[in-house]
């Protein structure tokens, strides 16, 4: 998973899986799902991200990230 924030457009993109998106569908107000050719969700785009989520903080719970940081 990869998080990318673009301050010039205030957009947050969450890449959930590697792969090329071939279909974008608005799944909620200002939230676009990026789907591959097989219909799998590969990413989420959140428009006006700073008004929808706290982009100044990132917290994980139960992910193996702590193991990576300790190495």
PDB file of N, CA and C in Angstrom:
ATOM      1  N   UNK A   1       0.849  -1.164   0.000  1.00  0.00           N
ATOM      2  CA  UNK A   1       0.000   0.000   0.000  1.00  0.00           C
ATOM      3  C   UNK A   1       0.901   1.236   0.000  1.00  0.00           C
ATOM      4  N   UNK A   2       0.478   2.221  -0.749  1.00  0.00           N
ATOM      5  CA  UNK A   2       1.248   3.460  -0.858  1.00  0.00           C
ATOM      6  C   UNK A   2       0.292   4.640  -0.758  1.00  0.00           C
ATOM      7  N   UNK A   3       0.674   5.618   0.052  1.00  0.00           N
ATOM      8  CA  UNK A   3      -0.113   6.842   0.186  1.00  0.00           C
ATOM      9  C   UNK A   3       0.629   7.976  -0.512  1.00  0.00           C
ATOM     10  N   UNK A   4      -0.064   8.720  -1.341  1.00  0.00           N
ATOM     11  CA  UNK A   4       0.529   9.866  -2.031  1.00  0.00           C
ATOM     12  C   UNK A   4      -0.391  11.064  -1.850  1.00  0.00           C
ATOM     13  N   UNK A   5       0.184  12.161  -1.357  1.00  0.00           N
ATOM     14  CA  UNK A   5      -0.593  13.388  -1.177  1.00  0.00           C
ATOM     15  C   UNK A   5      -0.062  14.443  -2.136  1.00  0.00           C
ATOM     16  N   UNK A   6      -0.971  15.112  -2.830  1.00  0.00           N
ATOM     17  CA  UNK A   6      -0.622  16.129  -3.798  1.00  0.00           C
ATOM     18  C   UNK A   6      -1.183  17.464  -3.305  1.00  0.00           C
ATOM     19  N   UNK A   7      -0.358  18.276  -2.630  1.00  0.00           N
ATOM     20  CA  UNK A   7      -0.852  19.513  -2.025  1.00  0.00           C
ATOM     21  C   UNK A   7      -1.396  20.518  -3.041  1.00  0.00           C
ATOM     22  N   UNK A   8      -0.870  20.523  -4.247  1.00  0.00           N
ATOM     23  CA  UNK A   8      -1.320  21.501  -5.239  1.00  0.00           C
ATOM     24  C   UNK A   8      -2.789  21.273  -5.634  1.00  0.00           C
ATOM     25  N   UNK A   9      -3.272  20.041  -5.502  1.00  0.00           N
ATOM     26  CA  UNK A   9      -4.677  19.750  -5.797  1.00  0.00           C
ATOM     27  C   UNK A   9      -5.445  19.276  -4.563  1.00  0.00           C
ATOM     28  N   UNK A  10      -4.752  19.184  -3.422  1.00  0.00           N
ATOM     29  CA  UNK A  10      -5.339  18.695  -2.169  1.00  0.00           C
ATOM     30  C   UNK A  10      -6.005  17.338  -2.380  1.00  0.00           C
ATOM     31  N   UNK A  11      -5.249  16.450  -3.023  1.00  0.00           N
ATOM     32  CA  UNK A  11      -5.747  15.109  -3.341  1.00  0.00           C
ATOM     33  C   UNK A  11      -4.866  14.067  -2.662  1.00  0.00           C
ATOM     34  N   UNK A  12      -5.512  13.066  -2.080  1.00  0.00           N
ATOM     35  CA  UNK A  12      -4.816  11.934  -1.483  1.00  0.00           C
ATOM     36  C   UNK A  12      -5.126  10.711  -2.320  1.00  0.00           C
ATOM     37  N   UNK A  13      -4.074  10.005  -2.746  1.00  0.00           N
ATOM     38  CA  UNK A  13      -4.267   8.761  -3.495  1.00  0.00           C
ATOM     39  C   UNK A  13      -3.730   7.619  -2.658  1.00  0.00           C
ATOM     40  N   UNK A  14      -4.550   6.618  -2.451  1.00  0.00           N
ATOM     41  CA  UNK A  14      -4.163   5.434  -1.695  1.00  0.00           C
ATOM     42  C   UNK A  14      -4.084   4.272  -2.679  1.00  0.00           C
ATOM     43  N   UNK A  15      -2.855   3.847  -2.951  1.00  0.00           N
ATOM     44  CA  UNK A  15      -2.652   2.704  -3.846  1.00  0.00           C
ATOM     45  C   UNK A  15      -2.792   1.450  -3.002  1.00  0.00           C
ATOM     46  N   UNK A  16      -3.794   0.656  -3.289  1.00  0.00           N
ATOM     47  CA  UNK A  16      -4.064  -0.547  -2.506  1.00  0.00           C
ATOM     48  C   UNK A  16      -3.366  -1.774  -3.060  1.00  0.00           C
ATOM     49  N   UNK A  17      -3.153  -1.808  -4.350  1.00  0.00           N
ATOM     50  CA  UNK A  17      -2.501  -2.946  -4.998  1.00  0.00           C
ATOM     51  C   UNK A  17      -1.784  -2.452  -6.242  1.00  0.00           C
ATOM     52  N   UNK A  18      -0.733  -3.154  -6.606  1.00  0.00           N
ATOM     53  CA  UNK A  18      -0.050  -2.797  -7.834  1.00  0.00           C
ATOM     54  C   UNK A  18      -0.919  -3.228  -9.005  1.00  0.00           C
ATOM     55  N   UNK A  19      -0.908  -2.446 -10.000  1.00  0.00           N
ATOM     56  CA  UNK A  19      -1.712  -2.747 -11.170  1.00  0.00           C
ATOM     57  C   UNK A  19      -2.205  -1.462 -11.790  1.00  0.00           C
ATOM     58  N   UNK A  20      -2.583  -1.569 -13.015  1.00  0.00           N
ATOM     59  CA  UNK A  20      -3.028  -0.392 -13.750  1.00  0.00           C
ATOM     60  C   UNK A  20      -4.536  -0.274 -13.657  1.00  0.00           C
ATOM     61  N   UNK A  21      -4.986   0.889 -13.236  1.00  0.00           N
ATOM     62  CA  UNK A  21      -6.413   1.153 -13.202  1.00  0.00           C
ATOM     63  C   UNK A  21      -6.955   1.365 -14.597  1.00  0.00           C
ATOM     64  N   UNK A  22      -8.104   0.785 -14.873  1.00  0.00           N
ATOM     65  CA  UNK A  22      -8.699   0.961 -16.197  1.00  0.00           C
ATOM     66  C   UNK A  22     -10.097   1.569 -16.118  1.00  0.00           C
ATOM     67  N   UNK A  23     -10.638   1.684 -14.901  1.00  0.00           N
ATOM     68  CA  UNK A  23     -11.972   2.246 -14.740  1.00  0.00           C
ATOM     69  C   UNK A  23     -12.017   3.007 -13.424  1.00  0.00           C
ATOM     70  N   UNK A  24     -12.433   4.252 -13.488  1.00  0.00           N
ATOM     71  CA  UNK A  24     -12.572   5.080 -12.286  1.00  0.00           C
ATOM     72  C   UNK A  24     -14.050   5.339 -12.057  1.00  0.00           C
ATOM     73  N   UNK A  25     -14.489   5.088 -10.816  1.00  0.00           N
ATOM     74  CA  UNK A  25     -15.896   5.253 -10.479  1.00  0.00           C
ATOM     75  C   UNK A  25     -16.022   6.037  -9.186  1.00  0.00           C
ATOM     76  N   UNK A  26     -16.864   7.072  -9.204  1.00  0.00           N
ATOM     77  CA  UNK A  26     -17.095   7.823  -7.975  1.00  0.00           C
ATOM     78  C   UNK A  26     -17.935   6.942  -7.047  1.00  0.00           C
ATOM     79  N   UNK A  27     -17.362   6.602  -5.885  1.00  0.00           N
ATOM     80  CA  UNK A  27     -18.049   5.703  -4.956  1.00  0.00           C
ATOM     81  C   UNK A  27     -18.640   6.460  -3.767  1.00  0.00           C
ATOM     82  N   UNK A  28     -18.356   7.735  -3.698  1.00  0.00           N
ATOM     83  CA  UNK A  28     -18.890   8.610  -2.666  1.00  0.00           C
ATOM     84  C   UNK A  28     -18.550  10.029  -3.069  1.00  0.00           C
ATOM     85  N   UNK A  29     -19.105  10.997  -2.376  1.00  0.00           N
ATOM     86  CA  UNK A  29     -18.836  12.382  -2.732  1.00  0.00           C
ATOM     87  C   UNK A  29     -17.345  12.685  -2.601  1.00  0.00           C
ATOM     88  N   UNK A  30     -16.699  12.965  -3.727  1.00  0.00           N
ATOM     89  CA  UNK A  30     -15.284  13.301  -3.739  1.00  0.00           C
ATOM     90  C   UNK A  30     -14.354  12.129  -3.530  1.00  0.00           C
ATOM     91  N   UNK A  31     -14.872  10.908  -3.612  1.00  0.00           N
ATOM     92  CA  UNK A  31     -14.043   9.708  -3.446  1.00  0.00           C
ATOM     93  C   UNK A  31     -14.215   8.848  -4.694  1.00  0.00           C
ATOM     94  N   UNK A  32     -13.085   8.597  -5.351  1.00  0.00           N
ATOM     95  CA  UNK A  32     -13.098   7.859  -6.611  1.00  0.00           C
ATOM     96  C   UNK A  32     -12.354   6.542  -6.430  1.00  0.00           C
ATOM     97  N   UNK A  33     -13.004   5.455  -6.804  1.00  0.00           N
ATOM     98  CA  UNK A  33     -12.365   4.145  -6.786  1.00  0.00           C
ATOM     99  C   UNK A  33     -11.725   3.877  -8.134  1.00  0.00           C
ATOM    100  N   UNK A  34     -10.516   3.375  -8.104  1.00  0.00           N
ATOM    101  CA  UNK A  34      -9.764   3.045  -9.317  1.00  0.00           C
ATOM    102  C   UNK A  34      -9.744   1.519  -9.426  1.00  0.00           C
ATOM    103  N   UNK A  35     -10.331   0.983 -10.474  1.00  0.00           N
ATOM    104  CA  UNK A  35     -10.475  -0.460 -10.643  1.00  0.00           C
ATOM    105  C   UNK A  35      -9.650  -0.950 -11.826  1.00  0.00           C
ATOM    106  N   UNK A  36      -9.088  -2.177 -11.704  1.00  0.00           N
ATOM    107  CA  UNK A  36      -8.333  -2.740 -12.817  1.00  0.00           C
ATOM    108  C   UNK A  36      -9.288  -3.404 -13.805  1.00  0.00           C
ATOM    109  N   UNK A  37      -8.737  -3.998 -14.851  1.00  0.00           N
ATOM    110  CA  UNK A  37      -9.552  -4.591 -15.910  1.00  0.00           C
ATOM    111  C   UNK A  37     -10.405  -5.756 -15.404  1.00  0.00           C
ATOM    112  N   UNK A  38     -10.008  -6.370 -14.295  1.00  0.00           N
ATOM    113  CA  UNK A  38     -10.763  -7.482 -13.726  1.00  0.00           C
ATOM    114  C   UNK A  38     -11.764  -7.028 -12.664  1.00  0.00           C
ATOM    115  N   UNK A  39     -11.890  -5.707 -12.477  1.00  0.00           N
ATOM    116  CA  UNK A  39     -12.849  -5.175 -11.527  1.00  0.00           C
ATOM    117  C   UNK A  39     -12.362  -5.097 -10.097  1.00  0.00           C
ATOM    118  N   UNK A  40     -11.067  -5.369  -9.874  1.00  0.00           N
ATOM    119  CA  UNK A  40     -10.505  -5.276  -8.521  1.00  0.00           C
ATOM    120  C   UNK A  40     -10.139  -3.833  -8.202  1.00  0.00           C
ATOM    121  N   UNK A  41     -10.432  -3.428  -6.973  1.00  0.00           N
ATOM    122  CA  UNK A  41     -10.094  -2.085  -6.515  1.00  0.00           C
ATOM    123  C   UNK A  41      -8.583  -1.991  -6.305  1.00  0.00           C
ATOM    124  N   UNK A  42      -7.927  -1.094  -7.045  1.00  0.00           N
ATOM    125  CA  UNK A  42      -6.481  -0.943  -6.919  1.00  0.00           C
ATOM    126  C   UNK A  42      -6.087   0.371  -6.253  1.00  0.00           C
ATOM    127  N   UNK A  43      -7.039   1.303  -6.140  1.00  0.00           N
ATOM    128  CA  UNK A  43      -6.706   2.572  -5.514  1.00  0.00           C
ATOM    129  C   UNK A  43      -7.933   3.401  -5.197  1.00  0.00           C
ATOM    130  N   UNK A  44      -7.719   4.362  -4.306  1.00  0.00           N
ATOM    131  CA  UNK A  44      -8.762   5.312  -3.928  1.00  0.00           C
ATOM    132  C   UNK A  44      -8.203   6.718  -4.032  1.00  0.00           C
ATOM    133  N   UNK A  45      -8.948   7.600  -4.635  1.00  0.00           N
ATOM    134  CA  UNK A  45      -8.560   9.000  -4.726  1.00  0.00           C
ATOM    135  C   UNK A  45      -9.548   9.810  -3.900  1.00  0.00           C
ATOM    136  N   UNK A  46      -9.017  10.621  -2.991  1.00  0.00           N
ATOM    137  CA  UNK A  46      -9.860  11.458  -2.140  1.00  0.00           C
ATOM    138  C   UNK A  46      -9.589  12.908  -2.508  1.00  0.00           C
ATOM    139  N   UNK A  47     -10.601  13.543  -3.094  1.00  0.00           N
ATOM    140  CA  UNK A  47     -10.497  14.942  -3.488  1.00  0.00           C
ATOM    141  C   UNK A  47     -10.751  15.831  -2.270  1.00  0.00           C
ATOM    142  N   UNK A  48     -10.130  17.007  -2.245  1.00  0.00           N
ATOM    143  CA  UNK A  48     -10.241  17.935  -1.109  1.00  0.00           C
ATOM    144  C   UNK A  48      -9.907  17.203   0.192  1.00  0.00           C
ATOM    145  N   UNK A  49      -8.815  16.456   0.137  1.00  0.00           N
ATOM    146  CA  UNK A  49      -8.448  15.545   1.230  1.00  0.00           C
ATOM    147  C   UNK A  49      -8.322  16.237   2.582  1.00  0.00           C
ATOM    148  N   UNK A  50      -7.758  17.434   2.610  1.00  0.00           N
ATOM    149  CA  UNK A  50      -7.529  18.083   3.901  1.00  0.00           C
ATOM    150  C   UNK A  50      -8.829  18.472   4.600  1.00  0.00           C
ATOM    151  N   UNK A  51      -9.930  18.496   3.868  1.00  0.00           N
ATOM    152  CA  UNK A  51     -11.218  18.790   4.498  1.00  0.00           C
ATOM    153  C   UNK A  51     -11.962  17.512   4.879  1.00  0.00           C
ATOM    154  N   UNK A  52     -11.454  16.364   4.446  1.00  0.00           N
ATOM    155  CA  UNK A  52     -12.122  15.081   4.705  1.00  0.00           C
ATOM    156  C   UNK A  52     -11.357  14.198   5.690  1.00  0.00           C
ATOM    157  N   UNK A  53     -10.041  14.284   5.681  1.00  0.00           N
ATOM    158  CA  UNK A  53      -9.200  13.462   6.558  1.00  0.00           C
ATOM    159  C   UNK A  53      -8.074  14.315   7.121  1.00  0.00           C
ATOM    160  N   UNK A  54      -7.483  13.860   8.210  1.00  0.00           N
ATOM    161  CA  UNK A  54      -6.346  14.562   8.807  1.00  0.00           C
ATOM    162  C   UNK A  54      -5.084  14.123   8.073  1.00  0.00           C
ATOM    163  N   UNK A  55      -4.638  14.948   7.120  1.00  0.00           N
ATOM    164  CA  UNK A  55      -3.471  14.593   6.316  1.00  0.00           C
ATOM    165  C   UNK A  55      -2.151  14.903   7.032  1.00  0.00           C
ATOM    166  N   UNK A  56      -2.227  15.412   8.258  1.00  0.00           N
ATOM    167  CA  UNK A  56      -1.003  15.738   9.008  1.00  0.00           C
ATOM    168  C   UNK A  56      -0.561  14.582   9.897  1.00  0.00           C
ATOM    169  N   UNK A  57      -1.348  13.525   9.943  1.00  0.00           N
ATOM    170  CA  UNK A  57      -1.047  12.424  10.856  1.00  0.00           C
ATOM    171  C   UNK A  57      -1.299  11.085  10.164  1.00  0.00           C
ATOM    172  N   UNK A  58      -0.429  10.118  10.421  1.00  0.00           N
ATOM    173  CA  UNK A  58      -0.600   8.766   9.896  1.00  0.00           C
ATOM    174  C   UNK A  58      -0.390   7.799  11.048  1.00  0.00           C
ATOM    175  N   UNK A  59      -1.364   6.973  11.292  1.00  0.00           N
ATOM    176  CA  UNK A  59      -1.295   6.015  12.384  1.00  0.00           C
ATOM    177  C   UNK A  59      -1.684   4.648  11.841  1.00  0.00           C
ATOM    178  N   UNK A  60      -0.996   3.614  12.289  1.00  0.00           N
ATOM    179  CA  UNK A  60      -1.338   2.260  11.879  1.00  0.00           C
ATOM    180  C   UNK A  60      -1.671   1.437  13.113  1.00  0.00           C
ATOM    181  N   UNK A  61      -2.457   0.422  12.914  1.00  0.00           N
ATOM    182  CA  UNK A  61      -2.826  -0.468  14.005  1.00  0.00           C
ATOM    183  C   UNK A  61      -2.807  -1.892  13.480  1.00  0.00           C
ATOM    184  N   UNK A  62      -1.894  -2.693  13.984  1.00  0.00           N
ATOM    185  CA  UNK A  62      -1.839  -4.090  13.597  1.00  0.00           C
ATOM    186  C   UNK A  62      -1.107  -4.367  12.297  1.00  0.00           C
ATOM    187  N   UNK A  63      -0.595  -3.342  11.633  1.00  0.00           N
ATOM    188  CA  UNK A  63       0.165  -3.563  10.402  1.00  0.00           C
ATOM    189  C   UNK A  63       1.618  -3.868  10.755  1.00  0.00           C
ATOM    190  N   UNK A  64       2.310  -4.624   9.940  1.00  0.00           N
ATOM    191  CA  UNK A  64       3.694  -4.990  10.252  1.00  0.00           C
ATOM    192  C   UNK A  64       4.713  -3.872  10.029  1.00  0.00           C
ATOM    193  N   UNK A  65       4.273  -2.638   9.956  1.00  0.00           N
ATOM    194  CA  UNK A  65       5.179  -1.513   9.720  1.00  0.00           C
ATOM    195  C   UNK A  65       6.202  -1.383  10.837  1.00  0.00           C
ATOM    196  N   UNK A  66       5.794  -1.612  12.070  1.00  0.00           N
ATOM    197  CA  UNK A  66       6.703  -1.493  13.202  1.00  0.00           C
ATOM    198  C   UNK A  66       7.899  -2.414  13.034  1.00  0.00           C
ATOM    199  N   UNK A  67       7.683  -3.596  12.496  1.00  0.00           N
ATOM    200  CA  UNK A  67       8.779  -4.553  12.245  1.00  0.00           C
ATOM    201  C   UNK A  67       9.771  -3.979  11.231  1.00  0.00           C
ATOM    202  N   UNK A  68       9.259  -3.298  10.222  1.00  0.00           N
ATOM    203  CA  UNK A  68      10.125  -2.718   9.203  1.00  0.00           C
ATOM    204  C   UNK A  68      10.961  -1.580   9.778  1.00  0.00           C
ATOM    205  N   UNK A  69      10.367  -0.766  10.641  1.00  0.00           N
ATOM    206  CA  UNK A  69      11.076   0.361  11.233  1.00  0.00           C
ATOM    207  C   UNK A  69      12.138  -0.084  12.228  1.00  0.00           C
ATOM    208  N   UNK A  70      11.936  -1.233  12.856  1.00  0.00           N
ATOM    209  CA  UNK A  70      12.882  -1.744  13.847  1.00  0.00           C
ATOM    210  C   UNK A  70      14.113  -2.368  13.181  1.00  0.00           C
ATOM    211  N   UNK A  71      13.998  -2.712  11.928  1.00  0.00           N
ATOM    212  CA  UNK A  71      15.114  -3.383  11.219  1.00  0.00           C
ATOM    213  C   UNK A  71      16.223  -2.424  10.878  1.00  0.00           C
TER     214      UNK A  71
END
